[in-house]
Protein backbone atom coordinates (compact mmCIF):
# COMPACT_ATOMS: atom_id res chain seq x y z
CA MET A 1 14.58 -17.77 4.23
CA PRO A 2 17.58 -18.06 2.66
CA LEU A 3 19.77 -14.48 2.34
CA ARG A 4 19.70 -14.70 -0.91
CA GLN A 5 15.52 -14.71 -1.62
CA SER A 6 15.05 -12.30 1.33
CA TYR A 7 17.64 -9.30 -0.25
CA LYS A 8 15.57 -10.13 -3.30
CA PHE A 9 12.75 -9.37 -1.66
CA LEU A 10 13.55 -6.33 -0.76
CA THR A 11 15.05 -5.03 -4.09
CA THR A 12 11.63 -5.53 -4.97
CA PHE A 13 9.76 -4.06 -2.30
CA ARG A 14 12.02 -1.21 -2.37
CA ARG A 15 11.32 -0.79 -6.82
CA HIS A 16 7.62 -0.53 -5.70
CA SER A 17 7.66 0.98 -2.75
CA LYS A 18 6.50 4.17 -4.39
CA GLU A 19 4.03 2.93 -6.34
CA ASN A 20 2.56 0.92 -3.05
CA ILE A 21 3.34 4.19 -1.16
CA ASP A 22 0.67 5.55 -3.94
CA ILE A 23 -2.15 3.20 -3.25
CA ILE A 24 -1.87 2.76 -0.12
CA LYS A 25 -2.61 6.50 0.74
CA TYR A 26 -5.41 6.42 -2.59
CA ASN A 27 -7.01 3.88 -0.15
CA ARG A 28 -6.58 5.98 2.52
CA GLU A 29 -8.57 8.75 1.42
CA PHE A 30 -11.38 5.65 -0.79
CA MET A 31 -12.15 4.76 3.20
CA GLU A 32 -12.09 7.68 4.33
CA ILE A 33 -14.58 8.93 1.64
CA TYR A 34 -16.71 5.56 1.88
CA THR A 35 -17.37 5.99 5.93
CA PHE A 36 -18.44 9.36 5.52
CA LEU A 37 -21.25 8.99 2.45
CA SER A 38 -21.72 5.32 4.77
CA VAL A 39 -22.65 7.30 7.94
CA ASN A 40 -24.59 10.31 5.91
CA LYS A 41 -26.77 8.23 4.45
């Protein structure tokens, strides 16, 4: 990957990292709830 492209990728990733972290956190909680419900079905 060219340097400019990787730099662009990093800046884009940094811009979205807060949202991504929130999404990951939300998904983890969702999966815990989902597995809990599945086990207790």
